[in-house]
Protein backbone atom coordinates (compact mmCIF):
# COMPACT_ATOMS: atom_id res chain seq x y z
CA MET A 1 13.20 3.63 17.26
CA ASP A 2 11.35 5.09 20.25
CA VAL A 3 8.53 6.77 19.40
CA THR A 4 7.05 7.31 22.94
CA ASP A 5 7.46 10.68 23.33
CA ALA A 6 7.48 12.02 19.84
CA SER A 7 5.88 15.22 19.27
CA PRO A 8 2.63 16.01 17.10
CA SER A 9 5.01 17.40 14.46
CA ASP A 10 7.59 14.27 14.59
CA TRP A 11 4.86 11.94 14.09
CA VAL A 12 3.79 13.88 10.83
CA LYS A 13 7.76 13.28 9.55
CA LEU A 14 7.62 9.71 10.64
CA ARG A 15 4.00 8.76 8.64
CA ARG A 16 5.23 10.73 5.71
CA SER A 17 8.77 9.36 5.49
CA THR A 18 8.58 5.88 7.22
CA VAL A 19 4.89 4.66 6.36
CA GLY A 20 2.83 3.67 3.67
CA TYR A 21 -1.27 3.10 3.42
CA VAL A 22 -3.08 1.00 1.56
CA PHE A 23 -6.39 1.96 1.95
CA GLN A 24 -10.02 -0.88 1.63
CA ALA A 25 -12.04 2.25 0.11
CA PHE A 26 -8.88 3.73 -2.28
CA ALA A 27 -8.80 7.16 -0.34
CA LEU A 28 -8.05 8.64 -3.74
CA ILE A 29 -8.46 12.37 -3.72
CA PRO A 30 -11.44 12.51 -7.20
CA HIS A 31 -10.21 15.70 -8.81
CA LEU A 32 -6.68 14.35 -9.06
CA SER A 33 -5.21 11.92 -11.33
CA ALA A 34 -3.45 8.76 -11.16
CA ALA A 35 -0.85 10.02 -11.32
CA GLU A 36 -1.18 13.37 -9.24
CA ASN A 37 -2.73 11.02 -6.88
CA VAL A 38 0.39 8.96 -6.79
CA GLU A 39 2.96 11.85 -6.48
CA LEU A 40 0.81 13.37 -3.79
CA PRO A 41 3.11 11.88 -0.79
CA LEU A 42 6.13 13.02 -2.80
CA ARG A 43 4.81 16.36 -3.18
CA LEU A 44 4.61 16.50 1.08
CA ARG A 45 7.97 15.39 1.57
CA GLY A 46 9.00 18.22 -1.56
CA THR A 47 10.95 15.85 -3.51
CA PRO A 48 12.05 17.54 -6.40
CA VAL A 49 10.15 17.55 -9.80
CA PRO A 50 11.96 15.19 -11.94
CA GLN A 51 12.14 12.23 -9.38
CA ARG A 52 8.47 12.44 -8.92
CA THR A 53 7.90 12.37 -12.62
CA ALA A 54 10.41 9.08 -12.48
CA ARG A 55 8.92 7.89 -9.41
CA VAL A 56 5.65 8.01 -10.08
CA ALA A 57 5.61 6.60 -13.34
CA GLU A 58 7.62 3.71 -11.93
CA LEU A 59 5.04 3.02 -9.62
CA LEU A 60 2.10 3.10 -12.15
CA GLU A 61 4.01 1.23 -14.67
CA LEU A 62 4.67 -1.60 -11.86
CA VAL A 63 0.75 -1.71 -10.54
CA GLY A 64 -0.41 -2.19 -15.00
CA LEU A 65 -1.47 1.67 -15.32
CA GLY A 66 0.96 3.54 -17.55
CA GLY A 67 -1.19 3.71 -19.73
CA HIS A 68 -3.48 5.60 -17.46
CA PRO A 69 -1.75 8.29 -15.68
CA ASN A 70 -4.39 11.46 -16.49
CA GLN A 71 -7.44 9.83 -15.69
CA ARG A 72 -9.45 10.70 -12.85
CA PRO A 73 -10.67 8.08 -10.08
CA SER A 74 -14.08 8.08 -11.51
CA GLU A 75 -12.73 6.97 -14.95
CA LEU A 76 -11.23 4.05 -13.38
CA SER A 77 -12.79 0.55 -12.50
CA GLY A 78 -12.48 -0.32 -8.72
CA GLY A 79 -9.71 -2.34 -9.44
CA GLN A 80 -7.90 0.23 -11.07
CA GLN A 81 -8.60 2.25 -8.40
CA GLN A 82 -7.42 0.17 -5.88
CA ARG A 83 -3.99 -0.50 -7.88
CA VAL A 84 -2.96 3.49 -7.46
CA GLY A 85 -3.69 2.98 -4.14
CA ILE A 86 -1.11 0.55 -3.52
CA ALA A 87 1.62 2.65 -5.72
CA ARG A 88 0.82 5.40 -3.66
CA ALA A 89 1.86 3.58 -0.94
CA LEU A 90 4.70 2.61 -1.86
CA VAL A 91 6.38 5.70 -3.59
CA ASN A 92 8.05 7.03 -1.24
CA ARG A 93 9.92 3.73 -0.68
CA PRO A 94 8.43 3.45 2.74
CA ARG A 95 10.13 0.99 5.77
CA LEU A 96 6.41 0.36 6.92
CA LEU A 97 3.52 -1.09 4.81
CA ILE A 98 -0.01 -0.91 6.50
CA ALA A 99 -2.77 -2.33 3.91
CA ASP A 100 -5.99 -2.91 4.91
CA GLU A 101 -7.51 -5.53 1.70
CA PRO A 102 -4.99 -4.53 -0.27
CA THR A 103 -6.50 -6.67 -3.24
CA GLY A 104 -10.54 -6.90 -1.95
CA GLN A 105 -11.44 -4.69 -5.14
CA LEU A 106 -9.10 -6.83 -7.71
CA ASP A 107 -9.95 -10.18 -9.57
CA SER A 108 -7.64 -12.88 -8.72
CA LEU A 109 -4.86 -12.54 -11.63
CA THR A 110 -4.14 -8.54 -10.58
CA ALA A 111 -4.69 -9.88 -7.26
CA ALA A 112 -1.52 -12.55 -7.29
CA THR A 113 0.83 -9.74 -9.13
CA MET A 114 -0.43 -6.75 -6.36
CA MET A 115 0.43 -9.37 -3.72
CA GLY A 116 3.64 -10.60 -5.60
CA LEU A 117 5.06 -6.84 -5.76
CA ILE A 118 4.21 -6.35 -2.07
CA SER A 119 6.30 -9.37 -1.00
CA GLU A 120 9.07 -8.50 -3.76
CA LEU A 121 9.02 -4.93 -1.49
CA VAL A 122 9.04 -7.03 1.69
CA HIS A 123 12.32 -9.15 0.72
CA GLN A 124 14.24 -7.30 -1.39
CA GLU A 125 13.67 -3.73 -0.15
CA GLY A 126 13.38 -5.19 3.59
CA VAL A 127 9.71 -3.61 4.09
CA ALA A 128 7.61 -4.62 6.79
CA ALA A 129 4.29 -5.07 6.11
CA ILE A 130 0.99 -5.71 8.27
CA ILE A 131 -1.98 -6.74 5.76
CA SER A 132 -5.36 -6.71 7.05
CA THR A 133 -7.04 -9.41 4.78
CA HIS A 134 -9.87 -12.41 5.00
CA ASP A 135 -8.21 -13.77 1.91
CA PRO A 136 -6.26 -17.08 2.22
CA LYS A 137 -4.47 -16.98 -0.77
CA LEU A 138 -2.70 -13.87 0.46
CA THR A 139 -2.06 -15.34 3.80
CA ALA A 140 -0.51 -18.24 1.92
CA VAL A 141 2.22 -16.30 0.60
CA ALA A 142 2.94 -14.25 4.26
CA ASP A 143 5.75 -14.96 6.30
CA ARG A 144 4.02 -14.56 9.06
CA VAL A 145 -0.07 -14.75 9.68
CA ILE A 146 -2.09 -13.61 12.85
CA ASP A 147 -5.55 -14.95 13.51
CA ILE A 148 -7.47 -13.03 15.21
CA GLN A 149 -11.81 -13.83 15.50
CA ASP A 150 -13.90 -11.87 17.39
CA GLY A 151 -11.24 -10.06 18.91
CA ILE A 152 -8.97 -13.12 20.36
CA ILE A 153 -5.60 -13.65 18.35
CA GLY A 154 -4.79 -17.06 17.03
CA ALA A 155 -8.64 -17.91 17.73
CA GLY A 156 -9.02 -18.41 13.44
CA PRO A 157 -9.55 -21.54 11.79
CA ARG A 158 -5.88 -22.75 11.59
CA GLY A 159 -5.14 -21.11 15.20
CA ARG A 160 -1.49 -20.53 13.62
CA HIS A 161 0.25 -17.28 15.29
CA SER A 162 3.06 -15.62 16.26
CA ALA A 163 1.93 -13.12 18.76
């Protein structure tokens, strides 16, 4: 899709329907519950309530937070907040997932589970994922790795890249 001449409103529509973001610092809305934070992208798209409710429950269950839909971010651990952020990024079934250190706040077991979820999404649903990480365990499961060091592509310790 050529987006070079897209209008601002076209960009908004594209981001809402095509791209999911996982922010390193969660970016959750403090006064909303976990379920409401995950639901927000669906509300912005005008998804009917029954579909929103089902999808939010499905995603919270997938990230291991099915029992915490009504908790606010301040009532959740850092790892739980990150999982809410991951669920929110996936709720719209994006074609592109952009994630900045998506497992940085998670213990190793939960991080492996979340990477498995992202990997499954990529392979089963044809989602492209761009993930920024310093975690070698995450790069080990990636289909393609581009090392960037000091702004230079391919300058990392392995020097492998496909740019």
